[in-house]
Amino acid sequence: MSLLRTSLIAALAIALGLYIYFFEAPKMAIEAKGDHVVDIEPAQVEHLELTYPDAKPVELAKKDGAWRLVAPVEAAADTNAVDLFLGAVRDAAIERRIPKGEAEALTSYGLESATGTRARLELTVAGGKTLPAIIVGNTTPVDYHAFVRVEGNDDVLLTALLFHTTIKKTAFDFRSKSLLHVNPQAIARLTIEKAGRKIELEKKGDDWALLSPINDRADTEAVRALVSTLPTIEALAYLEGPEIDRAKFGLDSPSLSVTADLAATGKVAFKLGVADEAAPAGSFFERVQDGPDAADPTTAQVAKVADWVATTYGVEANDVRDRKLVRCNGDDVVKMAFTRDGETFTLLREGAGKPWSIEPAGDGAVVQRIADNAMQSLVDLKGDKLVGDAGEPATKTAYALDEPLARVELSTKDGLCGAITGASKEPGATTPVFYLQSDDRSAVLTASASQMSRLSMKRAEFVEMKVGAATKDAPAAGNGAEDETAPSRQ
């Protein structure tokens, strides 16, 4: 092959490559991308304005990477909702173009006015460049399409009906629904006021304590659920300016008030008014202002919230009191003293993992599995329902706690860490109600026969029981085989 021929072939190959690179590749990329109403990347959009022929315009602007509503109200926007909207705009494909020369009058498509019969969308991207407005008109009688045009171009575009639905938005659609911006971990105190009653809770290390209406241990998990739920409260609807009728909404005399004091400074608070069945059904809610605007009712944020808010925070004091009977660490327990029917015996060990012994000593060795299960079941024991308080002998009589059926004391090397007394007013009944009380609290809790059986174990249940030549373990406490017979006072 001659050098000239080789050079020509090489030149043709280079020319073909350049042609493909500069002409065919961009064309192929466009074809692969498809024909769209507007070519945007949502992340580049910094401002959008929606104008409607029959509703208030909606305007949003991005500031420091976060979207905010500008009109018809100044408020934080739901960034995710804005991004989803812009994604739908970007994805709106043109399914057919009707050139100006072939199209009917724009009135036939609902595209003659600046807003069209549906909406007008204006987008501004990075650098302050405003793109030609998108005008959305009527829908087609068949085939589920909508008519669209881009301002400055009289071609009529057909796009999917979904775009016609997507483009119509209200300020509420874009507005952040979150009403209380608070980190639950920062809450140090929670106060709930309802019908003249006040519940005050305070964080003590990793646990919570009830300060009012009675000083007691709080159910830490129940309180954590309350504080962790605060940031999940969302608006079903917002009410602005003249729409707010405080007296009618019950906000002048709220049915419920909740205040969360933060560990550093400040607070987050809200109050609930009356329930309202009008759509969207819920309760009227007002975020209590803090700081210089606190006394100005015009700055109040009023909304409707779901019914669960009133239910969740309308708790009684007993709902947040601890139902656990003792605060002992199982690994630290070295002594369990049981008393039942005049019999008292004690299980002892040197420490976690060490064998248990029993006093008074007698025939048979302690079954370690049963002793370990009994200890753990007592450490974990919770009452069913808190029914009252009994601090004085007279009040103890009301629950028969002055004549207990059983009692257990748990101790560590440092001394007594918990003691539980169990009683029943009708121990011989078919289904007696048992009452439990720990020494360090006035709280009285109901318990089932199964729960009561953890206190009323007898010495024989902890040691080997010999039947003839065979040796059998007694059933493990709290491990599927429990004393189903109610303990007797005799």
Protein backbone atom coordinates (compact mmCIF):
# COMPACT_ATOMS: atom_id res chain seq x y z
CA MET A 1 0.00 0.00 0.00
CA SER A 2 1.42 3.36 -1.02
CA LEU A 3 2.20 6.08 1.47
CA LEU A 4 -0.29 8.42 -0.25
CA ARG A 5 -3.11 5.91 0.06
CA THR A 6 -2.32 5.29 3.71
CA SER A 7 -2.29 9.03 4.40
CA LEU A 8 -5.67 9.50 2.68
CA ILE A 9 -7.25 6.72 4.71
CA ALA A 10 -5.85 8.22 7.91
CA ALA A 11 -7.14 11.66 6.97
CA LEU A 12 -10.59 10.28 6.21
CA ALA A 13 -10.65 8.46 9.57
CA ILE A 14 -9.69 11.66 11.39
CA ALA A 15 -12.33 13.63 9.51
CA LEU A 16 -14.97 11.02 10.28
CA GLY A 17 -13.99 11.06 13.94
CA LEU A 18 -14.21 14.85 14.10
CA TYR A 19 -17.60 14.79 12.38
CA ILE A 20 -18.95 12.25 14.85
CA TYR A 21 -17.46 14.16 17.80
CA PHE A 22 -18.74 17.60 16.82
CA PHE A 23 -22.02 16.77 15.05
CA GLU A 24 -23.33 13.26 15.57
CA ALA A 25 -22.37 12.78 19.24
CA PRO A 26 -24.23 15.90 20.47
CA LYS A 27 -27.21 14.94 18.33
CA MET A 28 -27.17 11.40 19.73
CA ALA A 29 -26.88 12.77 23.26
CA ILE A 30 -29.89 15.01 22.70
CA GLU A 31 -31.89 12.13 21.25
CA ALA A 32 -30.92 9.91 24.17
CA LYS A 33 -31.85 12.60 26.64
CA GLY A 34 -35.17 13.24 24.94
CA ASP A 35 -37.08 16.40 24.16
CA HIS A 36 -38.14 18.19 27.34
CA VAL A 37 -40.18 21.27 28.12
CA VAL A 38 -37.23 22.83 29.92
CA ASP A 39 -33.59 21.81 30.28
CA ILE A 40 -32.67 22.31 33.93
CA GLU A 41 -30.78 20.70 36.77
CA PRO A 42 -32.80 21.18 39.99
CA ALA A 43 -29.66 21.92 41.99
CA GLN A 44 -28.98 24.97 39.77
CA VAL A 45 -32.38 26.58 40.41
CA GLU A 46 -32.27 29.44 42.92
CA HIS A 47 -35.70 31.01 42.54
CA LEU A 48 -39.10 29.88 41.30
CA GLU A 49 -42.41 31.63 40.95
CA LEU A 50 -45.77 30.04 40.18
CA THR A 51 -48.60 32.28 39.05
CA TYR A 52 -52.20 31.09 38.69
CA PRO A 53 -55.31 32.62 37.12
CA ASP A 54 -57.43 31.57 40.11
CA ALA A 55 -55.13 31.41 43.15
CA LYS A 56 -52.44 33.29 45.02
CA PRO A 57 -49.00 33.18 43.45
CA VAL A 58 -46.32 31.10 45.17
CA GLU A 59 -42.73 32.28 45.26
CA LEU A 60 -39.68 30.50 46.68
CA ALA A 61 -36.03 31.46 46.93
CA LYS A 62 -32.94 29.52 47.91
CA LYS A 63 -30.71 31.10 50.52
CA ASP A 64 -27.55 29.51 51.88
CA GLY A 65 -28.59 26.22 50.29
CA ALA A 66 -32.02 26.13 51.96
CA TRP A 67 -35.36 26.91 50.35
CA ARG A 68 -37.75 29.49 51.85
CA LEU A 69 -41.22 30.60 50.94
CA VAL A 70 -41.28 34.27 49.96
CA ALA A 71 -44.97 34.59 49.03
CA PRO A 72 -47.77 34.46 49.92
CA VAL A 73 -46.15 34.02 53.36
CA GLU A 74 -42.61 34.15 54.67
CA ALA A 75 -41.77 30.74 56.06
CA ALA A 76 -39.32 27.85 55.94
CA ALA A 77 -39.89 25.55 52.98
CA ASP A 78 -39.77 21.78 52.78
CA THR A 79 -36.60 21.32 50.73
CA ASN A 80 -37.55 17.79 49.78
CA ALA A 81 -40.93 18.96 48.42
CA VAL A 82 -39.23 21.68 46.33
CA ASP A 83 -36.67 19.23 44.97
CA LEU A 84 -39.37 16.74 44.01
CA PHE A 85 -41.28 19.49 42.20
CA LEU A 86 -38.21 20.64 40.27
CA GLY A 87 -37.41 17.03 39.41
CA ALA A 88 -40.89 16.65 37.92
CA VAL A 89 -40.39 19.85 35.90
CA ARG A 90 -37.04 18.60 34.60
CA ASP A 91 -38.57 15.25 33.61
CA ALA A 92 -41.55 16.73 31.75
CA ALA A 93 -41.04 15.31 28.26
CA ILE A 94 -42.49 16.77 25.07
CA GLU A 95 -44.52 14.02 23.45
CA ARG A 96 -45.56 16.07 20.44
CA ARG A 97 -44.83 19.49 18.97
CA ILE A 98 -47.44 21.42 17.02
CA PRO A 99 -45.61 24.09 15.02
CA LYS A 100 -47.11 27.58 15.01
CA GLY A 101 -48.08 27.25 11.34
CA GLU A 102 -50.10 24.10 12.02
CA ALA A 103 -51.58 25.07 15.37
CA GLU A 104 -54.97 26.61 15.98
CA ALA A 105 -55.33 29.85 17.91
CA LEU A 106 -53.72 29.71 21.36
CA THR A 107 -57.16 30.18 22.93
CA SER A 108 -58.02 26.68 21.71
CA TYR A 109 -55.31 25.30 23.99
CA GLY A 110 -55.79 27.63 26.98
CA LEU A 111 -52.40 29.21 26.27
CA GLU A 112 -53.32 32.72 25.21
CA SER A 113 -52.83 34.52 28.56
CA ALA A 114 -49.63 35.05 30.54
CA THR A 115 -50.67 32.41 33.07
CA GLY A 116 -52.56 30.04 30.77
CA THR A 117 -55.66 28.42 32.13
CA ARG A 118 -53.57 26.36 34.54
CA ALA A 119 -50.31 28.02 35.62
CA ARG A 120 -47.18 29.95 34.74
CA LEU A 121 -43.76 28.87 36.02
CA GLU A 122 -40.68 31.09 36.05
CA LEU A 123 -37.32 29.70 37.04
CA THR A 124 -34.09 31.51 37.83
CA VAL A 125 -30.86 29.54 37.85
CA ALA A 126 -27.38 30.19 39.22
CA GLY A 127 -25.95 33.47 38.06
CA GLY A 128 -29.33 35.19 38.07
CA LYS A 129 -30.38 33.91 34.64
CA THR A 130 -34.16 33.72 34.29
CA LEU A 131 -35.35 31.03 31.89
CA PRO A 132 -38.27 31.54 29.50
CA ALA A 133 -41.51 31.02 31.40
CA ILE A 134 -43.49 27.78 31.04
CA ILE A 135 -47.21 28.35 30.45
CA VAL A 136 -49.61 25.48 31.06
CA GLY A 137 -53.10 25.43 29.54
CA ASN A 138 -55.89 22.91 29.03
CA THR A 139 -55.82 19.13 28.97
CA THR A 140 -56.61 17.17 25.84
CA PRO A 141 -60.08 15.61 25.54
CA VAL A 142 -58.44 12.19 25.09
CA ASP A 143 -55.03 10.54 25.47
CA TYR A 144 -54.26 12.13 28.89
CA HIS A 145 -52.08 15.01 27.75
CA ALA A 146 -51.75 18.69 28.61
CA PHE A 147 -51.00 21.70 26.37
CA VAL A 148 -47.90 23.73 27.21
CA ARG A 149 -45.91 26.49 25.60
CA VAL A 150 -42.61 28.16 26.38
CA GLU A 151 -42.78 31.95 26.38
CA GLY A 152 -41.13 33.39 23.26
CA ASN A 153 -42.01 30.31 21.21
CA ASP A 154 -45.52 29.87 19.78
CA ASP A 155 -45.16 26.13 19.19
CA VAL A 156 -47.77 24.18 21.15
CA LEU A 157 -46.32 21.33 23.15
CA LEU A 158 -48.05 18.20 24.39
CA THR A 159 -46.78 16.69 27.62
CA ALA A 160 -48.08 14.07 30.02
CA LEU A 161 -51.16 14.85 32.07
CA LEU A 162 -49.07 14.31 35.20
CA PHE A 163 -47.27 17.59 34.53
CA HIS A 164 -50.64 19.39 34.47
CA THR A 165 -51.31 18.01 37.96
CA THR A 166 -47.82 18.65 39.28
CA ILE A 167 -47.67 22.30 38.30
CA LYS A 168 -50.62 23.36 40.49
CA LYS A 169 -49.26 23.89 43.99
CA THR A 170 -50.25 25.83 47.07
CA ALA A 171 -47.93 27.49 49.54
CA PHE A 172 -48.77 24.71 52.00
CA ASP A 173 -47.50 22.09 49.54
CA PHE A 174 -44.04 23.66 49.71
CA ARG A 175 -44.08 24.82 53.31
CA SER A 176 -42.20 22.96 56.02
CA LYS A 177 -44.75 21.08 58.11
CA SER A 178 -42.46 20.71 61.11
CA LEU A 179 -43.74 22.84 63.99
CA LEU A 180 -41.17 22.30 66.74
CA HIS A 181 -37.50 22.37 65.87
CA VAL A 182 -35.85 20.79 68.86
CA ASN A 183 -33.24 18.16 69.61
CA PRO A 184 -34.83 15.74 72.11
CA GLN A 185 -31.41 15.12 73.65
CA ALA A 186 -31.22 18.79 74.65
CA ILE A 187 -34.45 18.71 76.69
CA ALA A 188 -33.82 18.84 80.43
CA ARG A 189 -37.34 19.43 81.74
CA LEU A 190 -40.86 18.71 80.48
CA THR A 191 -44.03 20.29 81.86
CA ILE A 192 -47.54 19.25 80.87
CA GLU A 193 -50.56 21.23 82.07
CA LYS A 194 -54.08 19.93 81.56
CA ALA A 195 -57.37 20.90 83.23
CA GLY A 196 -55.65 22.60 86.14
CA ARG A 197 -53.26 19.69 86.72
CA LYS A 198 -49.53 20.00 86.20
CA ILE A 199 -47.02 17.23 85.52
CA GLU A 200 -43.38 18.25 85.90
CA LEU A 201 -40.58 15.95 84.80
CA GLU A 202 -36.85 16.53 85.06
CA LYS A 203 -33.91 14.70 83.58
CA LYS A 204 -31.53 13.23 86.15
CA GLY A 205 -28.47 11.88 84.38
CA ASP A 206 -29.76 9.22 81.99
CA ASP A 207 -33.08 8.87 83.81
CA TRP A 208 -36.15 11.03 84.38
CA ALA A 209 -37.80 11.98 87.67
CA LEU A 210 -41.36 13.09 88.39
CA LEU A 211 -41.38 16.30 90.43
CA SER A 212 -45.09 17.14 90.42
CA PRO A 213 -47.84 16.36 91.35
CA ILE A 214 -45.83 13.86 93.40
CA ASN A 215 -42.14 13.28 93.80
CA ASP A 216 -41.38 9.86 92.35
CA ARG A 217 -39.33 7.95 89.84
CA ALA A 218 -40.52 8.43 86.28
CA ASP A 219 -40.81 5.79 83.60
CA THR A 220 -37.76 6.89 81.64
CA GLU A 221 -38.82 5.12 78.44
CA ALA A 222 -42.28 6.71 78.56
CA VAL A 223 -40.80 10.18 79.03
CA ARG A 224 -38.23 9.63 76.29
CA ALA A 225 -41.09 8.73 73.97
CA LEU A 226 -42.80 12.04 74.80
CA VAL A 227 -39.72 14.21 74.21
CA SER A 228 -38.63 12.33 71.09
CA THR A 229 -42.09 12.81 69.58
CA LEU A 230 -42.01 16.63 69.87
CA PRO A 231 -40.07 17.23 66.62
CA THR A 232 -42.42 14.90 64.72
CA ILE A 233 -45.48 17.10 65.28
CA GLU A 234 -46.50 18.45 61.86
CA ALA A 235 -49.07 20.90 60.59
CA LEU A 236 -52.11 19.58 58.76
CA ALA A 237 -52.90 23.19 57.86
CA TYR A 238 -51.62 26.66 58.74
CA LEU A 239 -53.83 29.57 59.75
CA GLU A 240 -52.69 33.12 59.17
CA GLY A 241 -53.72 36.62 60.28
CA PRO A 242 -57.47 37.19 60.14
CA GLU A 243 -58.13 33.44 59.91
CA ILE A 244 -57.08 33.10 63.54
CA ASP A 245 -59.95 33.33 66.03
CA ARG A 246 -58.24 32.61 69.33
CA ALA A 247 -61.43 32.44 71.36
CA LYS A 248 -63.16 30.15 68.89
CA PHE A 249 -60.07 27.98 68.54
CA GLY A 250 -59.83 27.59 72.33
CA LEU A 251 -56.31 29.03 72.40
CA ASP A 252 -57.14 31.71 75.02
CA SER A 253 -58.05 28.90 77.44
CA PRO A 254 -56.05 25.94 76.10
CA SER A 255 -57.02 22.37 76.92
CA LEU A 256 -53.36 21.35 77.04
CA SER A 257 -50.01 23.13 77.35
CA VAL A 258 -46.58 21.54 76.93
CA THR A 259 -43.24 23.19 77.67
CA ALA A 260 -39.82 21.66 77.06
CA ASP A 261 -36.96 23.51 78.75
CA LEU A 262 -33.58 23.05 77.12
CA ALA A 263 -30.42 22.14 78.98
CA ALA A 264 -28.62 25.30 77.89
CA THR A 265 -31.09 28.15 77.41
CA GLY A 266 -34.50 28.70 75.92
CA LYS A 267 -37.54 26.52 75.60
CA VAL A 268 -39.93 24.99 73.12
CA ALA A 269 -43.62 25.14 73.97
CA PHE A 270 -47.07 24.72 72.48
CA LYS A 271 -50.69 24.70 73.49
CA LEU A 272 -53.73 22.96 72.10
CA GLY A 273 -57.20 24.41 71.72
CA VAL A 274 -60.39 22.66 70.76
CA ALA A 275 -60.80 19.82 68.30
CA ASP A 276 -62.18 20.72 64.87
CA GLU A 277 -63.85 18.24 62.53
CA ALA A 278 -63.69 20.51 59.47
CA ALA A 279 -61.22 19.18 56.91
CA PRO A 280 -58.47 18.63 57.68
CA ALA A 281 -59.80 17.39 61.02
CA GLY A 282 -57.57 17.84 64.05
CA SER A 283 -56.90 20.15 66.98
CA PHE A 284 -55.93 23.80 66.90
CA PHE A 285 -52.28 24.24 67.84
CA GLU A 286 -50.22 27.29 68.75
CA ARG A 287 -46.49 27.36 69.15
CA VAL A 288 -45.74 29.53 72.14
CA GLN A 289 -43.36 32.31 71.24
CA ASP A 290 -40.13 32.83 73.15
CA GLY A 291 -37.98 35.95 73.33
CA PRO A 292 -38.95 39.52 72.35
CA ASP A 293 -42.02 38.43 70.33
CA ALA A 294 -43.54 36.42 73.18
CA ALA A 295 -46.21 39.04 74.01
CA ASP A 296 -47.20 39.77 70.40
CA PRO A 297 -50.15 37.58 69.30
CA THR A 298 -49.61 38.57 65.67
CA THR A 299 -46.38 36.54 65.65
CA ALA A 300 -48.10 33.37 66.85
CA GLN A 301 -47.88 30.32 64.65
CA VAL A 302 -51.29 28.69 64.58
CA ALA A 303 -51.97 25.41 62.83
CA LYS A 304 -54.05 22.29 62.93
CA VAL A 305 -52.41 19.10 64.11
CA ALA A 306 -53.49 15.47 64.12
CA ASP A 307 -55.63 14.10 66.94
CA TRP A 308 -52.77 11.92 68.21
CA VAL A 309 -51.01 15.01 69.60
CA ALA A 310 -53.78 15.59 72.17
CA THR A 311 -53.88 11.89 72.98
CA THR A 312 -50.12 11.51 73.35
CA TYR A 313 -49.56 14.52 75.59
CA GLY A 314 -52.84 14.34 77.48
CA VAL A 315 -51.29 11.88 79.92
CA GLU A 316 -51.94 11.60 83.63
CA ALA A 317 -49.17 11.54 86.22
CA ASN A 318 -49.57 7.81 86.81
CA ASP A 319 -48.98 7.19 83.09
CA VAL A 320 -45.40 8.46 83.40
CA ARG A 321 -44.51 7.00 86.79
CA ASP A 322 -42.08 4.14 86.90
CA ARG A 323 -43.72 0.70 87.11
CA LYS A 324 -40.44 -1.00 87.88
CA LEU A 325 -40.25 -2.09 91.51
CA VAL A 326 -36.53 -1.86 92.22
CA ARG A 327 -33.48 -0.13 90.82
CA CYS A 328 -30.92 -2.87 91.35
CA ASN A 329 -28.21 -3.95 88.95
CA GLY A 330 -28.47 -7.73 88.70
CA ASP A 331 -24.70 -8.22 88.56
CA ASP A 332 -24.35 -6.37 91.87
CA VAL A 333 -26.97 -8.35 93.79
CA VAL A 334 -25.33 -10.65 96.36
CA LYS A 335 -28.29 -11.32 98.66
CA MET A 336 -31.98 -12.19 98.27
CA ALA A 337 -34.09 -12.51 101.41
CA PHE A 338 -37.56 -14.09 100.97
CA THR A 339 -40.36 -14.08 103.52
CA ARG A 340 -43.61 -16.00 103.07
CA ASP A 341 -46.05 -17.69 105.46
CA GLY A 342 -43.72 -17.02 108.39
CA GLU A 343 -40.80 -18.66 106.61
CA THR A 344 -37.71 -16.57 105.99
CA PHE A 345 -34.68 -17.75 104.06
CA THR A 346 -31.81 -16.02 102.29
CA LEU A 347 -29.77 -16.75 99.16
CA LEU A 348 -26.20 -15.44 99.15
CA ARG A 349 -23.26 -15.23 96.74
CA GLU A 350 -19.92 -13.44 96.66
CA GLY A 351 -20.54 -11.70 93.35
CA ALA A 352 -21.69 -12.03 89.75
CA GLY A 353 -21.07 -15.50 88.37
CA LYS A 354 -20.33 -16.93 91.83
CA PRO A 355 -22.48 -19.79 93.18
CA TRP A 356 -25.47 -19.14 95.40
CA SER A 357 -25.79 -20.66 98.84
CA ILE A 358 -28.84 -20.70 101.10
CA GLU A 359 -29.45 -19.91 104.77
CA PRO A 360 -30.52 -21.61 106.88
CA ALA A 361 -28.58 -24.44 105.33
CA GLY A 362 -30.23 -27.82 104.94
CA ASP A 363 -30.48 -30.84 102.73
CA GLY A 364 -29.89 -30.29 99.05
CA ALA A 365 -27.72 -27.82 97.14
CA VAL A 366 -29.03 -24.63 95.54
CA VAL A 367 -30.01 -25.05 91.89
CA GLN A 368 -27.99 -22.19 90.41
CA ARG A 369 -30.16 -21.77 87.34
CA ILE A 370 -33.26 -21.25 89.48
CA ALA A 371 -31.51 -18.76 91.75
CA ASP A 372 -30.15 -16.77 88.78
CA ASN A 373 -33.58 -16.69 87.11
CA ALA A 374 -35.26 -15.62 90.34
CA MET A 375 -32.78 -12.79 90.87
CA GLN A 376 -33.16 -11.48 87.31
CA SER A 377 -36.95 -11.72 87.37
CA LEU A 378 -37.05 -9.61 90.57
CA VAL A 379 -34.66 -7.00 89.15
CA ASP A 380 -36.84 -6.73 86.03
CA LEU A 381 -40.20 -6.92 87.84
CA LYS A 382 -42.79 -4.31 86.84
CA GLY A 383 -46.30 -3.81 88.11
CA ASP A 384 -49.24 -3.76 85.72
CA LYS A 385 -50.92 -0.52 86.68
CA LEU A 386 -50.23 2.20 89.21
CA VAL A 387 -53.44 2.53 91.25
CA GLY A 388 -52.57 4.78 94.17
CA ASP A 389 -50.18 5.77 96.91
CA ALA A 390 -49.81 4.30 100.37
CA GLY A 391 -47.30 5.94 102.64
CA GLU A 392 -49.04 5.78 106.00
CA PRO A 393 -50.39 2.70 107.81
CA ALA A 394 -53.98 3.79 107.19
CA THR A 395 -53.47 3.95 103.43
CA LYS A 396 -51.53 0.68 103.41
CA THR A 397 -54.58 -1.01 104.94
CA ALA A 398 -56.62 -0.08 101.86
CA TYR A 399 -54.42 -2.42 99.81
CA ALA A 400 -53.81 -5.01 102.57
CA LEU A 401 -50.15 -4.02 102.58
CA ASP A 402 -50.24 -3.92 106.38
CA GLU A 403 -50.64 -7.73 106.25
CA PRO A 404 -48.33 -8.73 103.40
CA LEU A 405 -48.41 -12.16 101.79
CA ALA A 406 -44.78 -12.05 100.71
CA ARG A 407 -41.72 -9.86 100.82
CA VAL A 408 -38.32 -9.86 99.12
CA GLU A 409 -35.24 -7.81 99.94
CA LEU A 410 -32.35 -7.45 97.47
CA SER A 411 -28.93 -6.29 98.62
CA THR A 412 -25.55 -5.49 97.14
CA LYS A 413 -22.24 -5.35 98.99
CA ASP A 414 -23.13 -1.74 99.82
CA GLY A 415 -26.41 -2.68 101.46
CA LEU A 416 -30.11 -2.86 100.62
CA CYS A 417 -30.87 -1.82 97.03
CA GLY A 418 -34.56 -2.74 96.87
CA ALA A 419 -37.39 -4.31 98.82
CA ILE A 420 -40.81 -5.38 97.53
CA THR A 421 -43.94 -6.20 99.50
CA GLY A 422 -46.87 -8.08 97.97
CA ALA A 423 -50.44 -8.33 99.26
CA SER A 424 -54.06 -9.00 98.27
CA LYS A 425 -57.38 -8.06 99.82
CA GLU A 426 -58.92 -11.33 98.63
CA PRO A 427 -56.08 -13.86 98.33
CA GLY A 428 -58.47 -16.79 98.20
CA ALA A 429 -60.47 -15.47 95.25
CA THR A 430 -60.47 -17.30 91.93
CA THR A 431 -58.62 -14.42 90.29
CA PRO A 432 -57.29 -12.27 93.12
CA VAL A 433 -55.87 -8.82 92.56
CA PHE A 434 -52.38 -8.49 93.98
CA TYR A 435 -50.72 -5.25 95.03
CA LEU A 436 -46.99 -4.56 95.03
CA GLN A 437 -45.05 -1.77 96.71
CA SER A 438 -41.34 -1.07 97.06
CA ASP A 439 -40.04 0.33 100.33
CA ASP A 440 -38.60 3.50 98.84
CA ARG A 441 -41.82 4.60 97.13
CA SER A 442 -45.43 5.28 98.06
CA ALA A 443 -46.64 3.99 94.68
CA VAL A 444 -48.92 0.93 94.74
CA LEU A 445 -49.14 -1.22 91.61
CA THR A 446 -51.39 -4.08 90.64
CA ALA A 447 -49.87 -7.41 89.70
CA SER A 448 -50.92 -10.76 88.30
CA ALA A 449 -50.56 -14.11 90.09
CA SER A 450 -47.57 -14.77 87.82
CA GLN A 451 -45.85 -11.59 88.94
CA MET A 452 -46.72 -12.21 92.58
CA SER A 453 -45.19 -15.68 92.37
CA ARG A 454 -41.75 -14.13 91.96
CA LEU A 455 -42.00 -12.79 95.50
CA SER A 456 -43.65 -15.82 97.07
CA MET A 457 -41.13 -18.55 96.26
CA LYS A 458 -40.39 -21.07 98.98
CA ARG A 459 -37.05 -22.45 100.09
CA ALA A 460 -37.78 -25.87 98.60
CA GLU A 461 -38.07 -24.35 95.12
CA PHE A 462 -34.39 -23.36 95.14
CA VAL A 463 -32.81 -26.66 96.19
CA GLU A 464 -32.51 -30.12 94.72
CA MET A 465 -35.60 -32.23 95.35
CA LYS A 466 -34.95 -35.98 95.64
CA VAL A 467 -37.75 -38.35 94.69
CA GLY A 468 -36.55 -41.89 95.35
CA ALA A 469 -33.25 -42.33 93.57
CA ALA A 470 -33.99 -39.58 91.01
CA THR A 471 -33.07 -35.95 91.38
CA LYS A 472 -35.24 -33.26 89.83
CA ASP A 473 -34.80 -29.54 89.53
CA ALA A 474 -37.62 -27.37 90.80
CA PRO A 475 -39.25 -25.20 88.13
CA ALA A 476 -37.38 -22.02 87.33
CA ALA A 477 -38.94 -18.80 88.58
CA GLY A 478 -40.36 -16.71 85.79
CA ASN A 479 -39.26 -19.34 83.25
CA GLY A 480 -42.52 -20.93 82.14
CA ALA A 481 -43.44 -22.94 85.25
CA GLU A 482 -44.86 -20.65 87.90
CA ASP A 483 -46.76 -21.02 91.15
CA GLU A 484 -50.37 -20.81 90.00
CA THR A 485 -51.73 -21.06 93.52
CA ALA A 486 -52.26 -17.69 95.17
CA PRO A 487 -50.20 -17.44 98.35
CA SER A 488 -52.16 -17.64 101.57
CA ARG A 489 -52.06 -15.33 104.57
CA GLN A 490 -52.36 -18.32 106.92
